[in-house]
């Protein structure tokens, strides 16, 4: 697996973010930690060598509506 910028302390889990919202002011519609595959960029280099063409990316999604 290719290494990517990884600083989880900068992005807490979705449930933690949602729990920090005042429920009197916010309705949490969705709070998920998602994983997706993203094309691995090579800056125009067609020779991928031993690098994967896709990398796993983790996203944090919180959808909240103001009350």
PDB file of N, CA and C in Angstrom:
ATOM      1  N   UNK A   1       0.840  -1.178   0.000  1.00  0.00           N
ATOM      2  CA  UNK A   1       0.000   0.000   0.000  1.00  0.00           C
ATOM      3  C   UNK A   1       0.889   1.246   0.000  1.00  0.00           C
ATOM      4  N   UNK A   2       0.519   2.215  -0.799  1.00  0.00           N
ATOM      5  CA  UNK A   2       1.278   3.456  -0.882  1.00  0.00           C
ATOM      6  C   UNK A   2       1.082   4.275   0.392  1.00  0.00           C
ATOM      7  N   UNK A   3       2.106   4.977   0.768  1.00  0.00           N
ATOM      8  CA  UNK A   3       2.010   5.845   1.949  1.00  0.00           C
ATOM      9  C   UNK A   3       1.392   7.178   1.538  1.00  0.00           C
ATOM     10  N   UNK A   4       0.508   7.677   2.369  1.00  0.00           N
ATOM     11  CA  UNK A   4      -0.110   8.981   2.153  1.00  0.00           C
ATOM     12  C   UNK A   4       0.022   9.782   3.436  1.00  0.00           C
ATOM     13  N   UNK A   5      -0.183  11.080   3.318  1.00  0.00           N
ATOM     14  CA  UNK A   5      -0.159  11.941   4.481  1.00  0.00           C
ATOM     15  C   UNK A   5      -1.130  11.378   5.501  1.00  0.00           C
ATOM     16  N   UNK A   6      -0.670  11.044   6.675  1.00  0.00           N
ATOM     17  CA  UNK A   6      -1.510  10.378   7.662  1.00  0.00           C
ATOM     18  C   UNK A   6      -1.337  11.059   9.011  1.00  0.00           C
ATOM     19  N   UNK A   7      -2.311  11.866   9.368  1.00  0.00           N
ATOM     20  CA  UNK A   7      -2.299  12.548  10.655  1.00  0.00           C
ATOM     21  C   UNK A   7      -3.708  12.460  11.246  1.00  0.00           C
ATOM     22  N   UNK A   8      -4.086  11.278  11.758  1.00  0.00           N
ATOM     23  CA  UNK A   8      -5.457  11.092  12.231  1.00  0.00           C
ATOM     24  C   UNK A   8      -5.859  12.050  13.344  1.00  0.00           C
ATOM     25  N   UNK A   9      -4.897  12.581  14.081  1.00  0.00           N
ATOM     26  CA  UNK A   9      -5.235  13.521  15.150  1.00  0.00           C
ATOM     27  C   UNK A   9      -5.842  14.820  14.604  1.00  0.00           C
ATOM     28  N   UNK A  10      -5.626  15.095  13.313  1.00  0.00           N
ATOM     29  CA  UNK A  10      -6.222  16.271  12.700  1.00  0.00           C
ATOM     30  C   UNK A  10      -7.666  16.030  12.279  1.00  0.00           C
ATOM     31  N   UNK A  11      -8.067  14.784  12.141  1.00  0.00           N
ATOM     32  CA  UNK A  11      -9.434  14.478  11.750  1.00  0.00           C
ATOM     33  C   UNK A  11      -9.974  13.358  12.648  1.00  0.00           C
ATOM     34  N   UNK A  12     -10.662  13.735  13.710  1.00  0.00           N
ATOM     35  CA  UNK A  12     -11.217  12.715  14.595  1.00  0.00           C
ATOM     36  C   UNK A  12     -12.322  11.932  13.891  1.00  0.00           C
ATOM     37  N   UNK A  13     -12.704  10.797  14.450  1.00  0.00           N
ATOM     38  CA  UNK A  13     -13.781  10.000  13.843  1.00  0.00           C
ATOM     39  C   UNK A  13     -15.089  10.798  13.775  1.00  0.00           C
ATOM     40  N   UNK A  14     -15.916  10.447  12.814  1.00  0.00           N
ATOM     41  CA  UNK A  14     -17.177  11.151  12.597  1.00  0.00           C
ATOM     42  C   UNK A  14     -18.056  11.147  13.848  1.00  0.00           C
ATOM     43  N   UNK A  15     -18.108  10.037  14.556  1.00  0.00           N
ATOM     44  CA  UNK A  15     -18.942   9.952  15.753  1.00  0.00           C
ATOM     45  C   UNK A  15     -18.477  10.950  16.814  1.00  0.00           C
ATOM     46  N   UNK A  16     -17.182  11.150  16.909  1.00  0.00           N
ATOM     47  CA  UNK A  16     -16.639  12.103  17.886  1.00  0.00           C
ATOM     48  C   UNK A  16     -17.008  13.538  17.508  1.00  0.00           C
ATOM     49  N   UNK A  17     -16.935  13.839  16.229  1.00  0.00           N
ATOM     50  CA  UNK A  17     -17.317  15.175  15.766  1.00  0.00           C
ATOM     51  C   UNK A  17     -18.798  15.405  16.027  1.00  0.00           C
ATOM     52  N   UNK A  18     -19.627  14.432  15.663  1.00  0.00           N
ATOM     53  CA  UNK A  18     -21.077  14.552  15.854  1.00  0.00           C
ATOM     54  C   UNK A  18     -21.435  14.701  17.327  1.00  0.00           C
ATOM     55  N   UNK A  19     -20.746  13.974  18.187  1.00  0.00           N
ATOM     56  CA  UNK A  19     -21.018  14.044  19.627  1.00  0.00           C
ATOM     57  C   UNK A  19     -20.682  15.425  20.190  1.00  0.00           C
ATOM     58  N   UNK A  20     -19.787  16.137  19.540  1.00  0.00           N
ATOM     59  CA  UNK A  20     -19.400  17.462  19.998  1.00  0.00           C
ATOM     60  C   UNK A  20     -20.353  18.570  19.577  1.00  0.00           C
ATOM     61  N   UNK A  21     -21.331  18.245  18.750  1.00  0.00           N
ATOM     62  CA  UNK A  21     -22.306  19.242  18.311  1.00  0.00           C
ATOM     63  C   UNK A  21     -23.441  19.346  19.328  1.00  0.00           C
ATOM     64  N   UNK A  22     -23.855  20.567  19.625  1.00  0.00           N
ATOM     65  CA  UNK A  22     -24.954  20.808  20.553  1.00  0.00           C
ATOM     66  C   UNK A  22     -26.254  20.302  19.929  1.00  0.00           C
ATOM     67  N   UNK A  23     -26.878  19.271  20.530  1.00  0.00           N
ATOM     68  CA  UNK A  23     -28.096  18.701  19.936  1.00  0.00           C
ATOM     69  C   UNK A  23     -29.278  19.668  19.913  1.00  0.00           C
ATOM     70  N   UNK A  24     -29.216  20.733  20.698  1.00  0.00           N
ATOM     71  CA  UNK A  24     -30.289  21.740  20.649  1.00  0.00           C
ATOM     72  C   UNK A  24     -30.132  22.651  19.439  1.00  0.00           C
ATOM     73  N   UNK A  25     -28.918  22.708  18.881  1.00  0.00           N
ATOM     74  CA  UNK A  25     -28.661  23.559  17.728  1.00  0.00           C
ATOM     75  C   UNK A  25     -28.464  22.782  16.432  1.00  0.00           C
ATOM     76  N   UNK A  26     -28.118  21.476  16.549  1.00  0.00           N
ATOM     77  CA  UNK A  26     -27.785  20.677  15.365  1.00  0.00           C
ATOM     78  C   UNK A  26     -28.498  19.336  15.384  1.00  0.00           C
ATOM     79  N   UNK A  27     -29.014  18.944  14.243  1.00  0.00           N
ATOM     80  CA  UNK A  27     -29.560  17.595  14.035  1.00  0.00           C
ATOM     81  C   UNK A  27     -28.559  16.844  13.162  1.00  0.00           C
ATOM     82  N   UNK A  28     -27.949  15.808  13.703  1.00  0.00           N
ATOM     83  CA  UNK A  28     -26.988  15.025  12.931  1.00  0.00           C
ATOM     84  C   UNK A  28     -27.762  14.060  12.044  1.00  0.00           C
ATOM     85  N   UNK A  29     -27.601  14.223  10.742  1.00  0.00           N
ATOM     86  CA  UNK A  29     -28.272  13.387   9.754  1.00  0.00           C
ATOM     87  C   UNK A  29     -27.437  12.136   9.472  1.00  0.00           C
ATOM     88  N   UNK A  30     -26.129  12.338   9.405  1.00  0.00           N
ATOM     89  CA  UNK A  30     -25.234  11.223   9.074  1.00  0.00           C
ATOM     90  C   UNK A  30     -23.848  11.512   9.646  1.00  0.00           C
ATOM     91  N   UNK A  31     -23.223  10.477  10.176  1.00  0.00           N
ATOM     92  CA  UNK A  31     -21.851  10.571  10.681  1.00  0.00           C
ATOM     93  C   UNK A  31     -21.159   9.252  10.367  1.00  0.00           C
ATOM     94  N   UNK A  32     -20.284   9.267   9.366  1.00  0.00           N
ATOM     95  CA  UNK A  32     -19.635   8.034   8.905  1.00  0.00           C
ATOM     96  C   UNK A  32     -18.157   8.264   8.613  1.00  0.00           C
ATOM     97  N   UNK A  33     -17.392   7.211   8.813  1.00  0.00           N
ATOM     98  CA  UNK A  33     -15.995   7.161   8.384  1.00  0.00           C
ATOM     99  C   UNK A  33     -15.969   6.238   7.173  1.00  0.00           C
ATOM    100  N   UNK A  34     -15.604   6.785   6.038  1.00  0.00           N
ATOM    101  CA  UNK A  34     -15.691   6.063   4.763  1.00  0.00           C
ATOM    102  C   UNK A  34     -14.307   5.775   4.202  1.00  0.00           C
ATOM    103  N   UNK A  35     -14.232   4.729   3.398  1.00  0.00           N
ATOM    104  CA  UNK A  35     -12.997   4.366   2.709  1.00  0.00           C
ATOM    105  C   UNK A  35     -13.304   4.281   1.218  1.00  0.00           C
ATOM    106  N   UNK A  36     -12.390   4.833   0.411  1.00  0.00           N
ATOM    107  CA  UNK A  36     -12.566   4.782  -1.050  1.00  0.00           C
ATOM    108  C   UNK A  36     -11.207   4.585  -1.698  1.00  0.00           C
ATOM    109  N   UNK A  37     -11.220   4.180  -2.953  1.00  0.00           N
ATOM    110  CA  UNK A  37      -9.987   4.061  -3.729  1.00  0.00           C
ATOM    111  C   UNK A  37      -9.841   5.294  -4.602  1.00  0.00           C
ATOM    112  N   UNK A  38      -8.637   5.804  -4.666  1.00  0.00           N
ATOM    113  CA  UNK A  38      -8.345   6.992  -5.464  1.00  0.00           C
ATOM    114  C   UNK A  38      -7.153   6.699  -6.365  1.00  0.00           C
ATOM    115  N   UNK A  39      -7.203   7.216  -7.574  1.00  0.00           N
ATOM    116  CA  UNK A  39      -6.088   7.029  -8.502  1.00  0.00           C
ATOM    117  C   UNK A  39      -4.826   7.629  -7.895  1.00  0.00           C
ATOM    118  N   UNK A  40      -3.738   6.932  -8.015  1.00  0.00           N
ATOM    119  CA  UNK A  40      -2.452   7.383  -7.489  1.00  0.00           C
ATOM    120  C   UNK A  40      -1.766   8.189  -8.567  1.00  0.00           C
ATOM    121  N   UNK A  41      -1.528   9.477  -8.329  1.00  0.00           N
ATOM    122  CA  UNK A  41      -0.921  10.353  -9.326  1.00  0.00           C
ATOM    123  C   UNK A  41       0.564  10.107  -9.488  1.00  0.00           C
ATOM    124  N   UNK A  42       1.053  10.213 -10.716  1.00  0.00           N
ATOM    125  CA  UNK A  42       2.477  10.029 -10.994  1.00  0.00           C
ATOM    126  C   UNK A  42       3.036  11.192 -11.796  1.00  0.00           C
ATOM    127  N   UNK A  43       2.336  12.329 -11.785  1.00  0.00           N
ATOM    128  CA  UNK A  43       2.817  13.531 -12.448  1.00  0.00           C
ATOM    129  C   UNK A  43       3.215  13.278 -13.908  1.00  0.00           C
ATOM    130  N   UNK A  44       2.366  12.552 -14.631  1.00  0.00           N
ATOM    131  CA  UNK A  44       2.606  12.328 -16.046  1.00  0.00           C
ATOM    132  C   UNK A  44       3.519  11.161 -16.361  1.00  0.00           C
ATOM    133  N   UNK A  45       4.032  10.479 -15.361  1.00  0.00           N
ATOM    134  CA  UNK A  45       4.932   9.343 -15.566  1.00  0.00           C
ATOM    135  C   UNK A  45       4.092   8.088 -15.793  1.00  0.00           C
ATOM    136  N   UNK A  46       4.186   7.481 -16.972  1.00  0.00           N
ATOM    137  CA  UNK A  46       3.405   6.284 -17.282  1.00  0.00           C
ATOM    138  C   UNK A  46       4.001   5.017 -16.684  1.00  0.00           C
ATOM    139  N   UNK A  47       5.230   5.057 -16.226  1.00  0.00           N
ATOM    140  CA  UNK A  47       5.874   3.893 -15.632  1.00  0.00           C
ATOM    141  C   UNK A  47       5.584   3.892 -14.131  1.00  0.00           C
ATOM    142  N   UNK A  48       4.653   3.032 -13.716  1.00  0.00           N
ATOM    143  CA  UNK A  48       4.239   2.988 -12.314  1.00  0.00           C
ATOM    144  C   UNK A  48       5.214   2.209 -11.445  1.00  0.00           C
ATOM    145  N   UNK A  49       6.120   1.479 -12.037  1.00  0.00           N
ATOM    146  CA  UNK A  49       7.092   0.715 -11.260  1.00  0.00           C
ATOM    147  C   UNK A  49       6.401  -0.146 -10.228  1.00  0.00           C
ATOM    148  N   UNK A  50       6.866  -0.083  -8.984  1.00  0.00           N
ATOM    149  CA  UNK A  50       6.258  -0.898  -7.933  1.00  0.00           C
ATOM    150  C   UNK A  50       5.187  -0.137  -7.154  1.00  0.00           C
ATOM    151  N   UNK A  51       4.753   1.029  -7.658  1.00  0.00           N
ATOM    152  CA  UNK A  51       3.710   1.801  -6.986  1.00  0.00           C
ATOM    153  C   UNK A  51       2.336   1.321  -7.450  1.00  0.00           C
ATOM    154  N   UNK A  52       1.378   1.229  -6.531  1.00  0.00           N
ATOM    155  CA  UNK A  52       0.021   0.844  -6.939  1.00  0.00           C
ATOM    156  C   UNK A  52      -0.622   1.964  -7.758  1.00  0.00           C
ATOM    157  N   UNK A  53      -1.569   1.616  -8.605  1.00  0.00           N
ATOM    158  CA  UNK A  53      -2.261   2.626  -9.402  1.00  0.00           C
ATOM    159  C   UNK A  53      -3.404   3.247  -8.617  1.00  0.00           C
ATOM    160  N   UNK A  54      -3.825   2.620  -7.505  1.00  0.00           N
ATOM    161  CA  UNK A  54      -4.859   3.162  -6.644  1.00  0.00           C
ATOM    162  C   UNK A  54      -4.402   3.075  -5.192  1.00  0.00           C
ATOM    163  N   UNK A  55      -4.851   4.021  -4.394  1.00  0.00           N
ATOM    164  CA  UNK A  55      -4.544   4.008  -2.971  1.00  0.00           C
ATOM    165  C   UNK A  55      -5.849   4.119  -2.192  1.00  0.00           C
ATOM    166  N   UNK A  56      -5.853   3.583  -0.983  1.00  0.00           N
ATOM    167  CA  UNK A  56      -7.014   3.670  -0.112  1.00  0.00           C
ATOM    168  C   UNK A  56      -6.984   5.006   0.615  1.00  0.00           C
ATOM    169  N   UNK A  57      -8.105   5.713   0.560  1.00  0.00           N
ATOM    170  CA  UNK A  57      -8.232   7.009   1.212  1.00  0.00           C
ATOM    171  C   UNK A  57      -9.373   6.924   2.207  1.00  0.00           C
ATOM    172  N   UNK A  58      -9.160   7.445   3.411  1.00  0.00           N
ATOM    173  CA  UNK A  58     -10.204   7.441   4.433  1.00  0.00           C
ATOM    174  C   UNK A  58     -10.767   8.851   4.552  1.00  0.00           C
ATOM    175  N   UNK A  59     -12.092   8.943   4.507  1.00  0.00           N
ATOM    176  CA  UNK A  59     -12.788  10.215   4.612  1.00  0.00           C
ATOM    177  C   UNK A  59     -13.669  10.217   5.858  1.00  0.00           C
ATOM    178  N   UNK A  60     -13.861  11.387   6.416  1.00  0.00           N
ATOM    179  CA  UNK A  60     -14.780  11.574   7.531  1.00  0.00           C
ATOM    180  C   UNK A  60     -15.918  12.438   7.029  1.00  0.00           C
ATOM    181  N   UNK A  61     -17.156  11.963   7.220  1.00  0.00           N
ATOM    182  CA  UNK A  61     -18.328  12.680   6.729  1.00  0.00           C
ATOM    183  C   UNK A  61     -19.279  12.935   7.894  1.00  0.00           C
ATOM    184  N   UNK A  62     -19.598  14.194   8.104  1.00  0.00           N
ATOM    185  CA  UNK A  62     -20.626  14.567   9.082  1.00  0.00           C
ATOM    186  C   UNK A  62     -21.587  15.516   8.383  1.00  0.00           C
ATOM    187  N   UNK A  63     -22.848  15.114   8.330  1.00  0.00           N
ATOM    188  CA  UNK A  63     -23.900  15.937   7.731  1.00  0.00           C
ATOM    189  C   UNK A  63     -24.835  16.319   8.864  1.00  0.00           C
ATOM    190  N   UNK A  64     -24.881  17.612   9.172  1.00  0.00           N
ATOM    191  CA  UNK A  64     -25.736  18.097  10.253  1.00  0.00           C
ATOM    192  C   UNK A  64     -26.536  19.293   9.771  1.00  0.00           C
ATOM    193  N   UNK A  65     -27.764  19.406  10.268  1.00  0.00           N
ATOM    194  CA  UNK A  65     -28.633  20.515   9.919  1.00  0.00           C
ATOM    195  C   UNK A  65     -28.813  21.407  11.141  1.00  0.00           C
ATOM    196  N   UNK A  66     -28.697  22.715  10.897  1.00  0.00           N
ATOM    197  CA  UNK A  66     -28.919  23.664  11.991  1.00  0.00           C
ATOM    198  C   UNK A  66     -30.416  23.693  12.310  1.00  0.00           C
ATOM    199  N   UNK A  67     -30.736  23.633  13.570  1.00  0.00           N
ATOM    200  CA  UNK A  67     -32.157  23.650  13.992  1.00  0.00           C
ATOM    201  C   UNK A  67     -32.709  25.057  14.002  1.00  0.00           C
TER     202      UNK A  67
END
